[in-house]
């Protein structure tokens, strides 16, 4: 499957519009619970984006309406793809480099 993983074309735009309509009707960001300002430009960290409740990397369906949620761009980016192991400590580097 191409890199877009089903997130292009008319079917995706139709689903994204449905999720956007839910946000317009008052559904908040599913990650932080705050309302989403739909008038913000797409590059703004607080702008609207569609998030997958179960990430595609962990087997979530890309076009399943039950898997799609409204979120802020920043909240979605912070969540990541769900594959990073959080219990693993960061690598340490020596000071003598």
PDB file of N, CA and C in Angstrom:
ATOM      1  N   UNK A   1       0.851  -1.180   0.000  1.00  0.00           N
ATOM      2  CA  UNK A   1       0.000   0.000   0.000  1.00  0.00           C
ATOM      3  C   UNK A   1       0.897   1.244   0.000  1.00  0.00           C
ATOM      4  N   UNK A   2       0.503   2.292  -0.688  1.00  0.00           N
ATOM      5  CA  UNK A   2       1.329   3.500  -0.710  1.00  0.00           C
ATOM      6  C   UNK A   2       1.453   4.132   0.672  1.00  0.00           C
ATOM      7  N   UNK A   3       2.354   5.064   0.763  1.00  0.00           N
ATOM      8  CA  UNK A   3       2.652   5.705   2.041  1.00  0.00           C
ATOM      9  C   UNK A   3       1.431   6.369   2.678  1.00  0.00           C
ATOM     10  N   UNK A   4       0.477   6.818   1.886  1.00  0.00           N
ATOM     11  CA  UNK A   4      -0.696   7.513   2.419  1.00  0.00           C
ATOM     12  C   UNK A   4      -1.598   6.591   3.231  1.00  0.00           C
ATOM     13  N   UNK A   5      -1.480   5.288   3.018  1.00  0.00           N
ATOM     14  CA  UNK A   5      -2.253   4.288   3.764  1.00  0.00           C
ATOM     15  C   UNK A   5      -3.751   4.583   3.756  1.00  0.00           C
ATOM     16  N   UNK A   6      -4.292   4.906   2.598  1.00  0.00           N
ATOM     17  CA  UNK A   6      -5.726   5.102   2.484  1.00  0.00           C
ATOM     18  C   UNK A   6      -6.220   6.473   2.887  1.00  0.00           C
ATOM     19  N   UNK A   7      -5.323   7.427   3.069  1.00  0.00           N
ATOM     20  CA  UNK A   7      -5.734   8.757   3.511  1.00  0.00           C
ATOM     21  C   UNK A   7      -5.676   9.777   2.376  1.00  0.00           C
ATOM     22  N   UNK A   8      -6.086   9.356   1.204  1.00  0.00           N
ATOM     23  CA  UNK A   8      -6.191  10.265   0.065  1.00  0.00           C
ATOM     24  C   UNK A   8      -7.468   9.926  -0.698  1.00  0.00           C
ATOM     25  N   UNK A   9      -7.836  10.792  -1.607  1.00  0.00           N
ATOM     26  CA  UNK A   9      -8.976  10.524  -2.467  1.00  0.00           C
ATOM     27  C   UNK A   9     -10.303  10.913  -1.856  1.00  0.00           C
ATOM     28  N   UNK A  10     -11.334  10.729  -2.657  1.00  0.00           N
ATOM     29  CA  UNK A  10     -12.680  11.125  -2.264  1.00  0.00           C
ATOM     30  C   UNK A  10     -13.194  10.411  -1.012  1.00  0.00           C
ATOM     31  N   UNK A  11     -13.003   9.087  -0.868  1.00  0.00           N
ATOM     32  CA  UNK A  11     -13.502   8.428   0.357  1.00  0.00           C
ATOM     33  C   UNK A  11     -12.896   9.021   1.631  1.00  0.00           C
ATOM     34  N   UNK A  12     -11.581   9.302   1.602  1.00  0.00           N
ATOM     35  CA  UNK A  12     -10.941   9.887   2.785  1.00  0.00           C
ATOM     36  C   UNK A  12     -11.468  11.290   3.060  1.00  0.00           C
ATOM     37  N   UNK A  13     -11.591  12.105   2.015  1.00  0.00           N
ATOM     38  CA  UNK A  13     -12.097  13.475   2.203  1.00  0.00           C
ATOM     39  C   UNK A  13     -13.513  13.463   2.760  1.00  0.00           C
ATOM     40  N   UNK A  14     -14.327  12.513   2.327  1.00  0.00           N
ATOM     41  CA  UNK A  14     -15.694  12.393   2.832  1.00  0.00           C
ATOM     42  C   UNK A  14     -15.689  12.050   4.330  1.00  0.00           C
ATOM     43  N   UNK A  15     -14.846  11.105   4.728  1.00  0.00           N
ATOM     44  CA  UNK A  15     -14.747  10.734   6.146  1.00  0.00           C
ATOM     45  C   UNK A  15     -14.186  11.881   6.981  1.00  0.00           C
ATOM     46  N   UNK A  16     -13.166  12.566   6.472  1.00  0.00           N
ATOM     47  CA  UNK A  16     -12.586  13.697   7.194  1.00  0.00           C
ATOM     48  C   UNK A  16     -13.622  14.799   7.374  1.00  0.00           C
ATOM     49  N   UNK A  17     -14.469  15.015   6.363  1.00  0.00           N
ATOM     50  CA  UNK A  17     -15.532  16.023   6.470  1.00  0.00           C
ATOM     51  C   UNK A  17     -16.542  15.631   7.541  1.00  0.00           C
ATOM     52  N   UNK A  18     -16.824  14.353   7.673  1.00  0.00           N
ATOM     53  CA  UNK A  18     -17.745  13.892   8.722  1.00  0.00           C
ATOM     54  C   UNK A  18     -17.160  14.146  10.112  1.00  0.00           C
ATOM     55  N   UNK A  19     -15.876  13.873  10.275  1.00  0.00           N
ATOM     56  CA  UNK A  19     -15.224  14.105  11.570  1.00  0.00           C
ATOM     57  C   UNK A  19     -15.164  15.604  11.852  1.00  0.00           C
ATOM     58  N   UNK A  20     -14.898  16.413  10.833  1.00  0.00           N
ATOM     59  CA  UNK A  20     -14.880  17.872  10.982  1.00  0.00           C
ATOM     60  C   UNK A  20     -16.260  18.390  11.385  1.00  0.00           C
ATOM     61  N   UNK A  21     -17.319  17.823  10.820  1.00  0.00           N
ATOM     62  CA  UNK A  21     -18.686  18.218  11.177  1.00  0.00           C
ATOM     63  C   UNK A  21     -18.978  17.887  12.642  1.00  0.00           C
ATOM     64  N   UNK A  22     -18.458  16.772  13.121  1.00  0.00           N
ATOM     65  CA  UNK A  22     -18.630  16.432  14.536  1.00  0.00           C
ATOM     66  C   UNK A  22     -17.956  17.471  15.416  1.00  0.00           C
ATOM     67  N   UNK A  23     -16.763  17.926  15.000  1.00  0.00           N
ATOM     68  CA  UNK A  23     -16.057  18.963  15.758  1.00  0.00           C
ATOM     69  C   UNK A  23     -16.825  20.281  15.692  1.00  0.00           C
ATOM     70  N   UNK A  24     -17.425  20.579  14.542  1.00  0.00           N
ATOM     71  CA  UNK A  24     -18.212  21.808  14.394  1.00  0.00           C
ATOM     72  C   UNK A  24     -19.457  21.771  15.278  1.00  0.00           C
ATOM     73  N   UNK A  25     -19.966  20.582  15.555  1.00  0.00           N
ATOM     74  CA  UNK A  25     -21.143  20.430  16.415  1.00  0.00           C
ATOM     75  C   UNK A  25     -20.782  20.369  17.896  1.00  0.00           C
ATOM     76  N   UNK A  26     -19.512  20.636  18.208  1.00  0.00           N
ATOM     77  CA  UNK A  26     -19.130  20.735  19.612  1.00  0.00           C
ATOM     78  C   UNK A  26     -18.328  19.584  20.162  1.00  0.00           C
ATOM     79  N   UNK A  27     -18.039  18.568  19.359  1.00  0.00           N
ATOM     80  CA  UNK A  27     -17.219  17.471  19.869  1.00  0.00           C
ATOM     81  C   UNK A  27     -15.787  17.985  20.055  1.00  0.00           C
ATOM     82  N   UNK A  28     -15.227  17.875  21.252  1.00  0.00           N
ATOM     83  CA  UNK A  28     -13.884  18.418  21.515  1.00  0.00           C
ATOM     84  C   UNK A  28     -12.787  17.483  21.014  1.00  0.00           C
ATOM     85  N   UNK A  29     -11.562  17.929  21.160  1.00  0.00           N
ATOM     86  CA  UNK A  29     -10.401  17.087  20.871  1.00  0.00           C
ATOM     87  C   UNK A  29     -10.483  15.861  21.772  1.00  0.00           C
ATOM     88  N   UNK A  30     -10.398  14.714  21.207  1.00  0.00           N
ATOM     89  CA  UNK A  30     -10.572  13.504  22.006  1.00  0.00           C
ATOM     90  C   UNK A  30      -9.375  13.221  22.895  1.00  0.00           C
ATOM     91  N   UNK A  31      -8.252  13.906  22.660  1.00  0.00           N
ATOM     92  CA  UNK A  31      -7.058  13.674  23.466  1.00  0.00           C
ATOM     93  C   UNK A  31      -6.956  14.607  24.667  1.00  0.00           C
ATOM     94  N   UNK A  32      -7.308  15.893  24.483  1.00  0.00           N
ATOM     95  CA  UNK A  32      -7.171  16.845  25.591  1.00  0.00           C
ATOM     96  C   UNK A  32      -8.516  17.328  26.130  1.00  0.00           C
ATOM     97  N   UNK A  33      -9.583  17.156  25.359  1.00  0.00           N
ATOM     98  CA  UNK A  33     -10.914  17.543  25.814  1.00  0.00           C
ATOM     99  C   UNK A  33     -11.275  18.999  25.577  1.00  0.00           C
ATOM    100  N   UNK A  34     -10.390  19.778  24.960  1.00  0.00           N
ATOM    101  CA  UNK A  34     -10.668  21.184  24.686  1.00  0.00           C
ATOM    102  C   UNK A  34     -11.295  21.347  23.306  1.00  0.00           C
ATOM    103  N   UNK A  35     -12.095  22.406  23.115  1.00  0.00           N
ATOM    104  CA  UNK A  35     -12.717  22.624  21.804  1.00  0.00           C
ATOM    105  C   UNK A  35     -11.666  22.922  20.733  1.00  0.00           C
ATOM    106  N   UNK A  36     -12.032  22.661  19.492  1.00  0.00           N
ATOM    107  CA  UNK A  36     -11.138  22.874  18.360  1.00  0.00           C
ATOM    108  C   UNK A  36     -11.656  24.055  17.556  1.00  0.00           C
ATOM    109  N   UNK A  37     -10.790  25.034  17.320  1.00  0.00           N
ATOM    110  CA  UNK A  37     -11.138  26.208  16.506  1.00  0.00           C
ATOM    111  C   UNK A  37     -10.946  25.833  15.038  1.00  0.00           C
ATOM    112  N   UNK A  38     -12.040  25.660  14.315  1.00  0.00           N
ATOM    113  CA  UNK A  38     -11.979  25.221  12.926  1.00  0.00           C
ATOM    114  C   UNK A  38     -11.572  26.328  11.963  1.00  0.00           C
ATOM    115  N   UNK A  39     -11.442  27.565  12.449  1.00  0.00           N
ATOM    116  CA  UNK A  39     -11.055  28.673  11.577  1.00  0.00           C
ATOM    117  C   UNK A  39      -9.542  28.855  11.491  1.00  0.00           C
ATOM    118  N   UNK A  40      -8.793  28.138  12.299  1.00  0.00           N
ATOM    119  CA  UNK A  40      -7.331  28.273  12.291  1.00  0.00           C
ATOM    120  C   UNK A  40      -6.739  27.658  11.028  1.00  0.00           C
ATOM    121  N   UNK A  41      -5.644  28.233  10.519  1.00  0.00           N
ATOM    122  CA  UNK A  41      -4.981  27.629   9.359  1.00  0.00           C
ATOM    123  C   UNK A  41      -4.415  26.257   9.726  1.00  0.00           C
ATOM    124  N   UNK A  42      -4.275  25.388   8.740  1.00  0.00           N
ATOM    125  CA  UNK A  42      -3.922  23.993   9.012  1.00  0.00           C
ATOM    126  C   UNK A  42      -2.566  23.821   9.672  1.00  0.00           C
ATOM    127  N   UNK A  43      -1.661  24.763   9.528  1.00  0.00           N
ATOM    128  CA  UNK A  43      -0.339  24.618  10.158  1.00  0.00           C
ATOM    129  C   UNK A  43      -0.318  25.020  11.631  1.00  0.00           C
ATOM    130  N   UNK A  44      -1.359  25.651  12.107  1.00  0.00           N
ATOM    131  CA  UNK A  44      -1.421  26.071  13.506  1.00  0.00           C
ATOM    132  C   UNK A  44      -1.486  24.830  14.405  1.00  0.00           C
ATOM    133  N   UNK A  45      -0.729  24.796  15.507  1.00  0.00           N
ATOM    134  CA  UNK A  45      -0.740  23.628  16.402  1.00  0.00           C
ATOM    135  C   UNK A  45      -2.116  23.322  16.991  1.00  0.00           C
ATOM    136  N   UNK A  46      -2.985  24.328  17.097  1.00  0.00           N
ATOM    137  CA  UNK A  46      -4.312  24.107  17.664  1.00  0.00           C
ATOM    138  C   UNK A  46      -5.380  23.869  16.600  1.00  0.00           C
ATOM    139  N   UNK A  47      -4.971  23.703  15.334  1.00  0.00           N
ATOM    140  CA  UNK A  47      -5.934  23.495  14.255  1.00  0.00           C
ATOM    141  C   UNK A  47      -6.480  22.068  14.274  1.00  0.00           C
ATOM    142  N   UNK A  48      -7.528  21.867  13.501  1.00  0.00           N
ATOM    143  CA  UNK A  48      -8.210  20.579  13.413  1.00  0.00           C
ATOM    144  C   UNK A  48      -7.401  19.578  12.588  1.00  0.00           C
ATOM    145  N   UNK A  49      -7.402  18.345  13.046  1.00  0.00           N
ATOM    146  CA  UNK A  49      -6.881  17.232  12.259  1.00  0.00           C
ATOM    147  C   UNK A  49      -7.649  15.974  12.650  1.00  0.00           C
ATOM    148  N   UNK A  50      -7.653  15.022  11.763  1.00  0.00           N
ATOM    149  CA  UNK A  50      -8.300  13.735  12.034  1.00  0.00           C
ATOM    150  C   UNK A  50      -7.260  12.812  12.647  1.00  0.00           C
ATOM    151  N   UNK A  51      -7.616  12.185  13.750  1.00  0.00           N
ATOM    152  CA  UNK A  51      -6.710  11.258  14.417  1.00  0.00           C
ATOM    153  C   UNK A  51      -7.314   9.869  14.391  1.00  0.00           C
ATOM    154  N   UNK A  52      -6.470   8.877  14.351  1.00  0.00           N
ATOM    155  CA  UNK A  52      -6.916   7.487  14.434  1.00  0.00           C
ATOM    156  C   UNK A  52      -6.811   7.048  15.891  1.00  0.00           C
ATOM    157  N   UNK A  53      -7.923   6.607  16.466  1.00  0.00           N
ATOM    158  CA  UNK A  53      -7.922   6.164  17.855  1.00  0.00           C
ATOM    159  C   UNK A  53      -6.948   5.001  18.025  1.00  0.00           C
ATOM    160  N   UNK A  54      -6.996   4.047  17.126  1.00  0.00           N
ATOM    161  CA  UNK A  54      -5.994   2.982  17.102  1.00  0.00           C
ATOM    162  C   UNK A  54      -5.111   3.279  15.910  1.00  0.00           C
ATOM    163  N   UNK A  55      -3.842   3.547  16.166  1.00  0.00           N
ATOM    164  CA  UNK A  55      -2.941   4.003  15.110  1.00  0.00           C
ATOM    165  C   UNK A  55      -2.806   2.963  14.001  1.00  0.00           C
ATOM    166  N   UNK A  56      -2.467   3.450  12.821  1.00  0.00           N
ATOM    167  CA  UNK A  56      -2.284   2.574  11.678  1.00  0.00           C
ATOM    168  C   UNK A  56      -1.100   1.638  11.898  1.00  0.00           C
ATOM    169  N   UNK A  57      -0.093   2.104  12.627  1.00  0.00           N
ATOM    170  CA  UNK A  57       1.095   1.297  12.897  1.00  0.00           C
ATOM    171  C   UNK A  57       0.781   0.105  13.790  1.00  0.00           C
ATOM    172  N   UNK A  58      -0.271   0.204  14.592  1.00  0.00           N
ATOM    173  CA  UNK A  58      -0.633  -0.902  15.478  1.00  0.00           C
ATOM    174  C   UNK A  58      -1.841  -1.671  14.965  1.00  0.00           C
ATOM    175  N   UNK A  59      -2.195  -1.463  13.690  1.00  0.00           N
ATOM    176  CA  UNK A  59      -3.251  -2.260  13.078  1.00  0.00           C
ATOM    177  C   UNK A  59      -4.597  -1.587  12.955  1.00  0.00           C
ATOM    178  N   UNK A  60      -4.690  -0.297  13.227  1.00  0.00           N
ATOM    179  CA  UNK A  60      -5.954   0.413  13.088  1.00  0.00           C
ATOM    180  C   UNK A  60      -6.362   0.550  11.626  1.00  0.00           C
ATOM    181  N   UNK A  61      -7.655   0.541  11.392  1.00  0.00           N
ATOM    182  CA  UNK A  61      -8.171   0.664  10.024  1.00  0.00           C
ATOM    183  C   UNK A  61      -8.148   2.126   9.598  1.00  0.00           C
ATOM    184  N   UNK A  62      -7.564   2.432   8.439  1.00  0.00           N
ATOM    185  CA  UNK A  62      -7.426   3.832   8.029  1.00  0.00           C
ATOM    186  C   UNK A  62      -8.742   4.525   7.703  1.00  0.00           C
ATOM    187  N   UNK A  63      -9.735   3.771   7.215  1.00  0.00           N
ATOM    188  CA  UNK A  63     -10.995   4.409   6.810  1.00  0.00           C
ATOM    189  C   UNK A  63     -12.196   3.929   7.613  1.00  0.00           C
ATOM    190  N   UNK A  64     -11.972   3.389   8.777  1.00  0.00           N
ATOM    191  CA  UNK A  64     -13.078   2.970   9.643  1.00  0.00           C
ATOM    192  C   UNK A  64     -13.590   4.192  10.390  1.00  0.00           C
ATOM    193  N   UNK A  65     -14.854   4.609  10.168  1.00  0.00           N
ATOM    194  CA  UNK A  65     -15.378   5.802  10.843  1.00  0.00           C
ATOM    195  C   UNK A  65     -15.322   5.705  12.368  1.00  0.00           C
ATOM    196  N   UNK A  66     -15.405   4.501  12.905  1.00  0.00           N
ATOM    197  CA  UNK A  66     -15.348   4.331  14.360  1.00  0.00           C
ATOM    198  C   UNK A  66     -13.935   4.520  14.904  1.00  0.00           C
ATOM    199  N   UNK A  67     -12.943   4.516  14.025  1.00  0.00           N
ATOM    200  CA  UNK A  67     -11.552   4.686  14.439  1.00  0.00           C
ATOM    201  C   UNK A  67     -11.084   6.134  14.306  1.00  0.00           C
ATOM    202  N   UNK A  68     -11.900   7.017  13.729  1.00  0.00           N
ATOM    203  CA  UNK A  68     -11.500   8.395  13.470  1.00  0.00           C
ATOM    204  C   UNK A  68     -12.044   9.332  14.534  1.00  0.00           C
ATOM    205  N   UNK A  69     -11.200  10.246  15.012  1.00  0.00           N
ATOM    206  CA  UNK A  69     -11.584  11.197  16.062  1.00  0.00           C
ATOM    207  C   UNK A  69     -11.060  12.590  15.709  1.00  0.00           C
ATOM    208  N   UNK A  70     -11.769  13.642  16.111  1.00  0.00           N
ATOM    209  CA  UNK A  70     -11.240  14.998  15.928  1.00  0.00           C
ATOM    210  C   UNK A  70     -10.172  15.280  16.977  1.00  0.00           C
ATOM    211  N   UNK A  71      -9.124  15.983  16.558  1.00  0.00           N
ATOM    212  CA  UNK A  71      -8.080  16.345  17.515  1.00  0.00           C
ATOM    213  C   UNK A  71      -7.356  17.599  17.050  1.00  0.00           C
ATOM    214  N   UNK A  72      -6.622  18.190  17.981  1.00  0.00           N
ATOM    215  CA  UNK A  72      -5.727  19.292  17.627  1.00  0.00           C
ATOM    216  C   UNK A  72      -4.508  18.696  16.948  1.00  0.00           C
ATOM    217  N   UNK A  73      -3.902  19.439  16.059  1.00  0.00           N
ATOM    218  CA  UNK A  73      -2.703  18.969  15.371  1.00  0.00           C
ATOM    219  C   UNK A  73      -1.598  18.642  16.380  1.00  0.00           C
ATOM    220  N   UNK A  74      -1.408  19.490  17.386  1.00  0.00           N
ATOM    221  CA  UNK A  74      -0.364  19.272  18.381  1.00  0.00           C
ATOM    222  C   UNK A  74      -0.648  18.026  19.223  1.00  0.00           C
ATOM    223  N   UNK A  75      -1.884  17.844  19.641  1.00  0.00           N
ATOM    224  CA  UNK A  75      -2.244  16.664  20.436  1.00  0.00           C
ATOM    225  C   UNK A  75      -1.990  15.388  19.639  1.00  0.00           C
ATOM    226  N   UNK A  76      -2.350  15.409  18.368  1.00  0.00           N
ATOM    227  CA  UNK A  76      -2.151  14.265  17.493  1.00  0.00           C
ATOM    228  C   UNK A  76      -0.660  13.973  17.334  1.00  0.00           C
ATOM    229  N   UNK A  77       0.144  15.001  17.150  1.00  0.00           N
ATOM    230  CA  UNK A  77       1.582  14.816  16.985  1.00  0.00           C
ATOM    231  C   UNK A  77       2.219  14.286  18.271  1.00  0.00           C
ATOM    232  N   UNK A  78       1.779  14.773  19.398  1.00  0.00           N
ATOM    233  CA  UNK A  78       2.338  14.313  20.685  1.00  0.00           C
ATOM    234  C   UNK A  78       2.000  12.854  20.946  1.00  0.00           C
ATOM    235  N   UNK A  79       0.819  12.436  20.506  1.00  0.00           N
ATOM    236  CA  UNK A  79       0.409  11.057  20.708  1.00  0.00           C
ATOM    237  C   UNK A  79       1.308  10.109  19.928  1.00  0.00           C
ATOM    238  N   UNK A  80       1.697  10.511  18.738  1.00  0.00           N
ATOM    239  CA  UNK A  80       2.563   9.669  17.916  1.00  0.00           C
ATOM    240  C   UNK A  80       1.817   8.488  17.343  1.00  0.00           C
ATOM    241  N   UNK A  81       2.569   7.467  16.916  1.00  0.00           N
ATOM    242  CA  UNK A  81       1.938   6.317  16.276  1.00  0.00           C
ATOM    243  C   UNK A  81       1.718   5.142  17.222  1.00  0.00           C
ATOM    244  N   UNK A  82       2.104   5.288  18.467  1.00  0.00           N
ATOM    245  CA  UNK A  82       1.838   4.250  19.456  1.00  0.00           C
ATOM    246  C   UNK A  82       2.809   3.087  19.434  1.00  0.00           C
ATOM    247  N   UNK A  83       3.900   3.198  18.673  1.00  0.00           N
ATOM    248  CA  UNK A  83       4.830   2.079  18.601  1.00  0.00           C
ATOM    249  C   UNK A  83       6.059   2.273  19.476  1.00  0.00           C
ATOM    250  N   UNK A  84       6.281   3.482  19.959  1.00  0.00           N
ATOM    251  CA  UNK A  84       7.455   3.746  20.792  1.00  0.00           C
ATOM    252  C   UNK A  84       7.255   3.147  22.181  1.00  0.00           C
ATOM    253  N   UNK A  85       8.238   2.445  22.660  1.00  0.00           N
ATOM    254  CA  UNK A  85       8.144   1.851  23.990  1.00  0.00           C
ATOM    255  C   UNK A  85       8.495   2.896  25.025  1.00  0.00           C
ATOM    256  N   UNK A  86       7.558   3.229  25.868  1.00  0.00           N
ATOM    257  CA  UNK A  86       7.729   4.297  26.836  1.00  0.00           C
ATOM    258  C   UNK A  86       8.567   3.862  28.042  1.00  0.00           C
ATOM    259  N   UNK A  87       8.629   2.570  28.328  1.00  0.00           N
ATOM    260  CA  UNK A  87       9.360   2.106  29.507  1.00  0.00           C
ATOM    261  C   UNK A  87      10.865   2.060  29.271  1.00  0.00           C
ATOM    262  N   UNK A  88      11.282   2.158  28.026  1.00  0.00           N
ATOM    263  CA  UNK A  88      12.695   2.081  27.713  1.00  0.00           C
ATOM    264  C   UNK A  88      13.358   3.439  27.956  1.00  0.00           C
ATOM    265  N   UNK A  89      14.424   3.501  28.775  1.00  0.00           N
ATOM    266  CA  UNK A  89      15.071   4.787  29.031  1.00  0.00           C
ATOM    267  C   UNK A  89      15.805   5.296  27.788  1.00  0.00           C
ATOM    268  N   UNK A  90      15.978   6.593  27.729  1.00  0.00           N
ATOM    269  CA  UNK A  90      16.726   7.188  26.640  1.00  0.00           C
ATOM    270  C   UNK A  90      18.194   6.812  26.758  1.00  0.00           C
ATOM    271  N   UNK A  91      18.871   6.695  25.632  1.00  0.00           N
ATOM    272  CA  UNK A  91      20.292   6.347  25.627  1.00  0.00           C
ATOM    273  C   UNK A  91      21.098   7.471  26.247  1.00  0.00           C
ATOM    274  N   UNK A  92      22.084   7.127  27.025  1.00  0.00           N
ATOM    275  CA  UNK A  92      22.953   8.120  27.649  1.00  0.00           C
ATOM    276  C   UNK A  92      24.222   8.265  26.822  1.00  0.00           C
ATOM    277  N   UNK A  93      24.699   9.466  26.743  1.00  0.00           N
ATOM    278  CA  UNK A  93      25.969   9.724  26.065  1.00  0.00           C
ATOM    279  C   UNK A  93      26.983  10.180  27.099  1.00  0.00           C
ATOM    280  N   UNK A  94      28.225   9.915  26.814  1.00  0.00           N
ATOM    281  CA  UNK A  94      29.263  10.325  27.763  1.00  0.00           C
ATOM    282  C   UNK A  94      29.581  11.785  27.558  1.00  0.00           C
ATOM    283  N   UNK A  95      30.150  12.416  28.563  1.00  0.00           N
ATOM    284  CA  UNK A  95      30.554  13.809  28.451  1.00  0.00           C
ATOM    285  C   UNK A  95      31.881  13.932  27.717  1.00  0.00           C
ATOM    286  N   UNK A  96      32.634  12.842  27.601  1.00  0.00           N
ATOM    287  CA  UNK A  96      33.959  12.905  26.997  1.00  0.00           C
ATOM    288  C   UNK A  96      33.868  12.619  25.497  1.00  0.00           C
ATOM    289  N   UNK A  97      33.150  13.416  24.789  1.00  0.00           N
ATOM    290  CA  UNK A  97      33.066  13.255  23.351  1.00  0.00           C
ATOM    291  C   UNK A  97      33.597  14.468  22.720  1.00  0.00           C
TER     292      UNK A  97
END
